[in-house]
Amino acid sequence: MSQPDSAPPPASSDPWPERVEVLNSNLLRVGVLASMTFVLAGLGLMFFHHPSYFLSAQELQRLTSPGAAFPKSLPEVAAGLRDRRGQSVVVVGLLILIVTPILRVALSMVLFALERDPTFVVITAAVLSILAASFFLGAVG
């Protein structure tokens, strides 16, 4: 009587799914690390330029209060970066953190297109469109 073949099925020889997962995870990892780097550098700049934040509770409260001296538009961020303002560097870090998952969705759409998977391209394009619409509607309102 012959024994049933109990060997596991052969592993897929297509490395594409694993490469896609690694690419997506690397994108998220780099985005979060870049964001953290900018936020910490910005905080360092703020406390370097304003050591009074360490000494005065009123100064620190002024920094952390709603409507504080943080830039609220891209031109203000650019001007703050030119002036080496820590608040602008922190905002760049936060923008990187916001953009990272959006880039992941865009990357996924491209990868699905390369795989010739039209269903997932359409679904991912719809998600990307919703994200873009939310930003534009949020900017208007």
N, C-alpha and C. Protein backbone atom coordinates (compact mmCIF):
# COMPACT_ATOMS: atom_id res chain seq x y z
N MET A 1 0.84 -1.15 0.00
CA MET A 1 0.00 0.00 0.00
C MET A 1 0.90 1.23 0.00
N SER A 2 0.58 2.17 -0.84
CA SER A 2 1.45 3.35 -0.95
C SER A 2 0.98 4.42 0.02
N GLN A 3 1.94 5.14 0.52
CA GLN A 3 1.66 6.24 1.45
C GLN A 3 1.22 7.47 0.67
N PRO A 4 0.23 8.21 1.19
CA PRO A 4 -0.15 9.45 0.50
C PRO A 4 1.00 10.44 0.59
N ASP A 5 1.13 11.22 -0.44
CA ASP A 5 2.21 12.21 -0.50
C ASP A 5 1.90 13.31 0.50
N SER A 6 2.70 13.42 1.55
CA SER A 6 2.45 14.41 2.60
C SER A 6 3.37 15.62 2.47
N ALA A 7 4.07 15.72 1.37
CA ALA A 7 4.95 16.86 1.18
C ALA A 7 4.11 18.12 0.97
N PRO A 8 4.58 19.24 1.52
CA PRO A 8 3.81 20.48 1.33
C PRO A 8 3.82 20.89 -0.14
N PRO A 9 2.79 21.61 -0.53
CA PRO A 9 2.76 22.06 -1.93
C PRO A 9 3.95 22.97 -2.19
N PRO A 10 4.42 22.99 -3.42
CA PRO A 10 5.57 23.85 -3.71
C PRO A 10 5.22 25.33 -3.52
N ALA A 11 6.19 26.07 -3.01
CA ALA A 11 5.98 27.50 -2.81
C ALA A 11 5.87 28.19 -4.16
N SER A 12 5.13 29.25 -4.16
CA SER A 12 4.95 30.00 -5.40
C SER A 12 6.30 30.53 -5.85
N SER A 13 6.58 30.38 -7.11
CA SER A 13 7.86 30.85 -7.63
C SER A 13 7.79 32.33 -8.02
N ASP A 14 6.62 32.92 -7.89
CA ASP A 14 6.46 34.32 -8.25
C ASP A 14 6.78 35.19 -7.04
N PRO A 15 7.91 35.92 -7.07
CA PRO A 15 8.26 36.76 -5.92
C PRO A 15 7.53 38.09 -5.90
N TRP A 16 6.69 38.37 -6.90
CA TRP A 16 6.02 39.66 -7.02
C TRP A 16 5.21 40.06 -5.80
N PRO A 17 4.33 39.19 -5.25
CA PRO A 17 3.54 39.62 -4.08
C PRO A 17 4.42 40.00 -2.89
N GLU A 18 5.47 39.25 -2.66
CA GLU A 18 6.35 39.57 -1.54
C GLU A 18 7.07 40.89 -1.79
N ARG A 19 7.50 41.13 -3.02
CA ARG A 19 8.19 42.38 -3.34
C ARG A 19 7.24 43.57 -3.17
N VAL A 20 5.98 43.39 -3.53
CA VAL A 20 4.99 44.46 -3.37
C VAL A 20 4.80 44.77 -1.89
N GLU A 21 4.67 43.75 -1.06
CA GLU A 21 4.50 43.96 0.37
C GLU A 21 5.71 44.67 0.97
N VAL A 22 6.90 44.26 0.55
CA VAL A 22 8.12 44.89 1.06
C VAL A 22 8.19 46.35 0.61
N LEU A 23 7.84 46.61 -0.63
CA LEU A 23 7.86 47.98 -1.14
C LEU A 23 6.88 48.87 -0.38
N ASN A 24 5.67 48.36 -0.16
CA ASN A 24 4.67 49.12 0.59
C ASN A 24 5.11 49.37 2.03
N SER A 25 5.64 48.34 2.67
CA SER A 25 6.06 48.52 4.07
C SER A 25 7.26 49.45 4.16
N ASN A 26 8.17 49.39 3.19
CA ASN A 26 9.31 50.32 3.20
C ASN A 26 8.85 51.75 3.00
N LEU A 27 7.87 51.96 2.14
CA LEU A 27 7.34 53.30 1.94
C LEU A 27 6.77 53.85 3.24
N LEU A 28 5.98 53.05 3.93
CA LEU A 28 5.40 53.50 5.20
C LEU A 28 6.49 53.74 6.25
N ARG A 29 7.46 52.85 6.31
CA ARG A 29 8.55 52.98 7.28
C ARG A 29 9.35 54.26 7.03
N VAL A 30 9.73 54.50 5.78
CA VAL A 30 10.51 55.70 5.45
C VAL A 30 9.69 56.96 5.72
N GLY A 31 8.41 56.93 5.39
CA GLY A 31 7.57 58.10 5.64
C GLY A 31 7.47 58.44 7.11
N VAL A 32 7.28 57.43 7.94
CA VAL A 32 7.16 57.67 9.39
C VAL A 32 8.49 58.14 9.96
N LEU A 33 9.59 57.53 9.54
CA LEU A 33 10.91 57.95 10.04
C LEU A 33 11.25 59.36 9.58
N ALA A 34 10.93 59.70 8.34
CA ALA A 34 11.19 61.06 7.86
C ALA A 34 10.34 62.06 8.64
N SER A 35 9.08 61.72 8.87
CA SER A 35 8.21 62.60 9.63
C SER A 35 8.75 62.82 11.04
N MET A 36 9.13 61.73 11.69
CA MET A 36 9.65 61.84 13.05
C MET A 36 10.93 62.68 13.08
N THR A 37 11.78 62.51 12.07
CA THR A 37 13.02 63.28 12.00
C THR A 37 12.73 64.77 11.88
N PHE A 38 11.79 65.13 11.02
CA PHE A 38 11.46 66.54 10.86
C PHE A 38 10.82 67.11 12.13
N VAL A 39 9.93 66.37 12.75
CA VAL A 39 9.28 66.87 13.96
C VAL A 39 10.30 67.09 15.07
N LEU A 40 11.19 66.12 15.27
CA LEU A 40 12.20 66.26 16.32
C LEU A 40 13.19 67.38 16.01
N ALA A 41 13.59 67.51 14.74
CA ALA A 41 14.50 68.60 14.36
C ALA A 41 13.81 69.95 14.56
N GLY A 42 12.54 70.03 14.22
CA GLY A 42 11.80 71.27 14.41
C GLY A 42 11.67 71.64 15.88
N LEU A 43 11.40 70.64 16.71
CA LEU A 43 11.32 70.90 18.15
C LEU A 43 12.67 71.38 18.67
N GLY A 44 13.74 70.75 18.20
CA GLY A 44 15.07 71.19 18.61
C GLY A 44 15.35 72.63 18.21
N LEU A 45 14.97 72.98 16.97
CA LEU A 45 15.14 74.36 16.51
C LEU A 45 14.32 75.34 17.35
N MET A 46 13.10 74.96 17.65
CA MET A 46 12.24 75.86 18.45
C MET A 46 12.88 76.15 19.81
N PHE A 47 13.33 75.09 20.48
CA PHE A 47 13.91 75.30 21.81
C PHE A 47 15.29 75.94 21.74
N PHE A 48 16.01 75.76 20.61
CA PHE A 48 17.30 76.42 20.44
C PHE A 48 17.11 77.93 20.24
N HIS A 49 16.14 78.29 19.40
CA HIS A 49 15.89 79.71 19.13
C HIS A 49 15.15 80.40 20.27
N HIS A 50 14.41 79.64 21.06
CA HIS A 50 13.62 80.23 22.15
C HIS A 50 13.87 79.46 23.44
N PRO A 51 15.03 79.62 24.05
CA PRO A 51 15.29 78.90 25.30
C PRO A 51 14.35 79.31 26.42
N SER A 52 13.64 80.42 26.24
CA SER A 52 12.69 80.86 27.26
C SER A 52 11.55 79.86 27.44
N TYR A 53 11.34 78.98 26.42
CA TYR A 53 10.30 77.96 26.57
C TYR A 53 10.61 77.03 27.74
N PHE A 54 11.90 76.85 28.04
CA PHE A 54 12.29 76.00 29.17
C PHE A 54 12.05 76.70 30.50
N LEU A 55 12.13 78.02 30.50
CA LEU A 55 12.15 78.77 31.75
C LEU A 55 10.82 79.41 32.14
N SER A 56 9.98 79.67 31.15
CA SER A 56 8.76 80.42 31.43
C SER A 56 7.52 79.61 31.04
N ALA A 57 6.67 79.40 32.00
CA ALA A 57 5.43 78.66 31.72
C ALA A 57 4.54 79.44 30.76
N GLN A 58 4.55 80.78 30.85
CA GLN A 58 3.73 81.59 29.95
C GLN A 58 4.21 81.46 28.51
N GLU A 59 5.52 81.46 28.30
CA GLU A 59 6.07 81.32 26.95
C GLU A 59 5.72 79.95 26.36
N LEU A 60 5.87 78.92 27.17
CA LEU A 60 5.53 77.57 26.70
C LEU A 60 4.04 77.45 26.42
N GLN A 61 3.22 78.08 27.24
CA GLN A 61 1.77 78.06 27.00
C GLN A 61 1.43 78.80 25.72
N ARG A 62 2.14 79.90 25.44
CA ARG A 62 1.92 80.64 24.20
C ARG A 62 2.23 79.75 22.99
N LEU A 63 3.25 78.93 23.11
CA LEU A 63 3.63 78.03 22.02
C LEU A 63 2.59 76.94 21.82
N THR A 64 2.04 76.42 22.89
CA THR A 64 1.14 75.26 22.80
C THR A 64 -0.34 75.62 22.77
N SER A 65 -0.66 76.90 22.86
CA SER A 65 -2.06 77.28 22.86
C SER A 65 -2.66 77.20 21.46
N PRO A 66 -3.98 77.02 21.36
CA PRO A 66 -4.61 77.03 20.04
C PRO A 66 -4.35 78.36 19.34
N GLY A 67 -4.08 78.28 18.06
CA GLY A 67 -3.80 79.48 17.28
C GLY A 67 -2.40 80.00 17.51
N ALA A 68 -1.50 79.12 17.99
CA ALA A 68 -0.13 79.53 18.26
C ALA A 68 0.56 79.91 16.95
N ALA A 69 1.82 80.23 17.06
CA ALA A 69 2.57 80.78 15.93
C ALA A 69 2.99 79.73 14.90
N PHE A 70 2.21 78.71 14.71
CA PHE A 70 2.52 77.70 13.69
C PHE A 70 1.97 78.15 12.35
N PRO A 71 2.69 77.88 11.26
CA PRO A 71 2.19 78.27 9.94
C PRO A 71 0.93 77.49 9.58
N LYS A 72 0.04 78.14 8.87
CA LYS A 72 -1.25 77.53 8.55
C LYS A 72 -1.48 77.37 7.05
N SER A 73 -0.49 77.74 6.23
CA SER A 73 -0.61 77.57 4.78
C SER A 73 0.77 77.19 4.22
N LEU A 74 0.77 76.64 3.01
CA LEU A 74 2.04 76.24 2.41
C LEU A 74 2.99 77.43 2.20
N PRO A 75 2.50 78.61 1.76
CA PRO A 75 3.43 79.74 1.66
C PRO A 75 4.02 80.15 3.02
N GLU A 76 3.22 80.06 4.08
CA GLU A 76 3.75 80.36 5.42
C GLU A 76 4.80 79.33 5.84
N VAL A 77 4.57 78.06 5.48
CA VAL A 77 5.55 77.01 5.80
C VAL A 77 6.85 77.29 5.05
N ALA A 78 6.74 77.62 3.75
CA ALA A 78 7.94 77.90 2.95
C ALA A 78 8.70 79.09 3.51
N ALA A 79 7.98 80.14 3.89
CA ALA A 79 8.65 81.31 4.47
C ALA A 79 9.32 80.95 5.79
N GLY A 80 8.67 80.15 6.59
CA GLY A 80 9.25 79.71 7.86
C GLY A 80 10.49 78.85 7.66
N LEU A 81 10.48 78.01 6.63
CA LEU A 81 11.66 77.20 6.35
C LEU A 81 12.83 78.09 5.92
N ARG A 82 12.53 79.11 5.11
CA ARG A 82 13.60 80.04 4.69
C ARG A 82 14.20 80.76 5.91
N ASP A 83 13.36 81.03 6.91
CA ASP A 83 13.82 81.71 8.12
C ASP A 83 14.31 80.74 9.18
N ARG A 84 14.34 79.46 8.86
CA ARG A 84 14.79 78.40 9.78
C ARG A 84 13.97 78.38 11.08
N ARG A 85 12.66 78.51 10.92
CA ARG A 85 11.77 78.46 12.07
C ARG A 85 11.41 77.00 12.37
N GLY A 86 11.55 76.62 13.62
CA GLY A 86 11.27 75.26 14.03
C GLY A 86 9.83 74.85 13.81
N GLN A 87 8.90 75.80 13.99
CA GLN A 87 7.48 75.48 13.80
C GLN A 87 7.21 75.01 12.37
N SER A 88 7.87 75.63 11.41
CA SER A 88 7.67 75.23 10.01
C SER A 88 8.25 73.85 9.75
N VAL A 89 9.37 73.54 10.38
CA VAL A 89 9.97 72.21 10.21
C VAL A 89 9.05 71.15 10.81
N VAL A 90 8.44 71.45 11.96
CA VAL A 90 7.48 70.51 12.56
C VAL A 90 6.29 70.29 11.63
N VAL A 91 5.79 71.37 11.02
CA VAL A 91 4.65 71.24 10.11
C VAL A 91 5.02 70.39 8.90
N VAL A 92 6.25 70.54 8.39
CA VAL A 92 6.69 69.69 7.28
C VAL A 92 6.66 68.23 7.71
N GLY A 93 7.10 67.94 8.92
CA GLY A 93 7.05 66.57 9.42
C GLY A 93 5.63 66.04 9.51
N LEU A 94 4.70 66.88 9.94
CA LEU A 94 3.30 66.46 10.01
C LEU A 94 2.71 66.27 8.61
N LEU A 95 3.10 67.12 7.67
CA LEU A 95 2.64 66.94 6.29
C LEU A 95 3.16 65.63 5.69
N ILE A 96 4.41 65.31 5.99
CA ILE A 96 4.96 64.03 5.52
C ILE A 96 4.15 62.87 6.10
N LEU A 97 3.80 62.99 7.38
CA LEU A 97 3.02 61.93 8.02
C LEU A 97 1.64 61.79 7.38
N ILE A 98 1.04 62.90 6.97
CA ILE A 98 -0.28 62.86 6.32
C ILE A 98 -0.18 62.29 4.91
N VAL A 99 0.87 62.66 4.19
CA VAL A 99 1.01 62.27 2.78
C VAL A 99 1.43 60.81 2.63
N THR A 100 2.11 60.25 3.63
CA THR A 100 2.65 58.89 3.50
C THR A 100 1.58 57.85 3.15
N PRO A 101 0.46 57.75 3.86
CA PRO A 101 -0.54 56.75 3.48
C PRO A 101 -1.17 57.03 2.11
N ILE A 102 -1.24 58.30 1.74
CA ILE A 102 -1.78 58.63 0.42
C ILE A 102 -0.84 58.13 -0.66
N LEU A 103 0.46 58.30 -0.43
CA LEU A 103 1.44 57.76 -1.39
C LEU A 103 1.36 56.24 -1.47
N ARG A 104 1.06 55.61 -0.33
CA ARG A 104 0.91 54.16 -0.34
C ARG A 104 -0.26 53.74 -1.21
N VAL A 105 -1.36 54.45 -1.13
CA VAL A 105 -2.52 54.14 -1.98
C VAL A 105 -2.16 54.34 -3.45
N ALA A 106 -1.47 55.44 -3.75
CA ALA A 106 -1.07 55.70 -5.14
C ALA A 106 -0.10 54.62 -5.63
N LEU A 107 0.84 54.23 -4.79
CA LEU A 107 1.77 53.16 -5.16
C LEU A 107 1.02 51.85 -5.40
N SER A 108 0.07 51.56 -4.55
CA SER A 108 -0.72 50.33 -4.73
C SER A 108 -1.46 50.35 -6.05
N MET A 109 -2.00 51.50 -6.43
CA MET A 109 -2.71 51.60 -7.70
C MET A 109 -1.76 51.30 -8.87
N VAL A 110 -0.56 51.85 -8.81
CA VAL A 110 0.42 51.60 -9.87
C VAL A 110 0.80 50.13 -9.90
N LEU A 111 1.00 49.54 -8.74
CA LEU A 111 1.39 48.13 -8.69
C LEU A 111 0.27 47.23 -9.20
N PHE A 112 -0.97 47.57 -8.88
CA PHE A 112 -2.09 46.79 -9.42
C PHE A 112 -2.17 46.94 -10.93
N ALA A 113 -1.87 48.12 -11.44
CA ALA A 113 -1.86 48.32 -12.90
C ALA A 113 -0.76 47.48 -13.54
N LEU A 114 0.40 47.42 -12.89
CA LEU A 114 1.49 46.59 -13.43
C LEU A 114 1.14 45.11 -13.41
N GLU A 115 0.34 44.71 -12.43
CA GLU A 115 -0.13 43.32 -12.35
C GLU A 115 -1.27 43.05 -13.33
N ARG A 116 -1.76 44.10 -13.97
CA ARG A 116 -2.90 44.00 -14.89
C ARG A 116 -4.14 43.47 -14.15
N ASP A 117 -4.43 44.12 -13.03
CA ASP A 117 -5.58 43.75 -12.22
C ASP A 117 -6.56 44.94 -12.23
N PRO A 118 -7.41 45.02 -13.26
CA PRO A 118 -8.24 46.22 -13.41
C PRO A 118 -9.22 46.44 -12.27
N THR A 119 -9.71 45.38 -11.65
CA THR A 119 -10.66 45.54 -10.55
C THR A 119 -10.03 46.32 -9.41
N PHE A 120 -8.83 45.92 -9.01
CA PHE A 120 -8.18 46.60 -7.90
C PHE A 120 -7.65 47.97 -8.30
N VAL A 121 -7.32 48.16 -9.57
CA VAL A 121 -6.94 49.50 -10.03
C VAL A 121 -8.12 50.45 -9.85
N VAL A 122 -9.31 50.02 -10.23
CA VAL A 122 -10.50 50.87 -10.11
C VAL A 122 -10.82 51.14 -8.64
N ILE A 123 -10.75 50.11 -7.81
CA ILE A 123 -11.04 50.29 -6.38
C ILE A 123 -10.03 51.25 -5.75
N THR A 124 -8.75 51.04 -6.05
CA THR A 124 -7.71 51.90 -5.47
C THR A 124 -7.82 53.32 -6.01
N ALA A 125 -8.16 53.47 -7.29
CA ALA A 125 -8.35 54.81 -7.85
C ALA A 125 -9.52 55.51 -7.16
N ALA A 126 -10.56 54.77 -6.84
CA ALA A 126 -11.70 55.36 -6.13
C ALA A 126 -11.28 55.83 -4.73
N VAL A 127 -10.50 55.02 -4.04
CA VAL A 127 -10.02 55.41 -2.71
C VAL A 127 -9.14 56.66 -2.82
N LEU A 128 -8.26 56.68 -3.80
CA LEU A 128 -7.39 57.84 -4.01
C LEU A 128 -8.21 59.09 -4.35
N SER A 129 -9.25 58.92 -5.15
CA SER A 129 -10.13 60.05 -5.48
C SER A 129 -10.84 60.58 -4.26
N ILE A 130 -11.30 59.69 -3.40
CA ILE A 130 -11.97 60.11 -2.16
C ILE A 130 -11.00 60.88 -1.26
N LEU A 131 -9.77 60.38 -1.16
CA LEU A 131 -8.76 61.08 -0.36
C LEU A 131 -8.48 62.47 -0.93
N ALA A 132 -8.31 62.55 -2.24
CA ALA A 132 -8.05 63.85 -2.88
C ALA A 132 -9.23 64.80 -2.69
N ALA A 133 -10.43 64.30 -2.87
CA ALA A 133 -11.62 65.14 -2.68
C ALA A 133 -11.72 65.65 -1.26
N SER A 134 -11.39 64.81 -0.30
CA SER A 134 -11.46 65.24 1.11
C SER A 134 -10.48 66.36 1.38
N PHE A 135 -9.31 66.32 0.74
CA PHE A 135 -8.34 67.40 0.95
C PHE A 135 -8.83 68.69 0.31
N PHE A 136 -9.33 68.59 -0.92
CA PHE A 136 -9.80 69.80 -1.59
C PHE A 136 -11.01 70.39 -0.90
N LEU A 137 -11.93 69.55 -0.46
CA LEU A 137 -13.11 70.04 0.24
C LEU A 137 -12.74 70.61 1.61
N GLY A 138 -11.75 69.99 2.25
CA GLY A 138 -11.30 70.51 3.54
C GLY A 138 -10.60 71.84 3.40
N ALA A 139 -9.88 72.04 2.30
CA ALA A 139 -9.19 73.30 2.07
C ALA A 139 -10.18 74.42 1.78
N VAL A 140 -11.28 74.09 1.13
CA VAL A 140 -12.28 75.09 0.77
C VAL A 140 -13.09 75.50 2.00
N GLY A 141 -13.47 74.50 2.80
CA GLY A 141 -14.38 74.75 3.92
C GLY A 141 -13.75 75.15 5.16
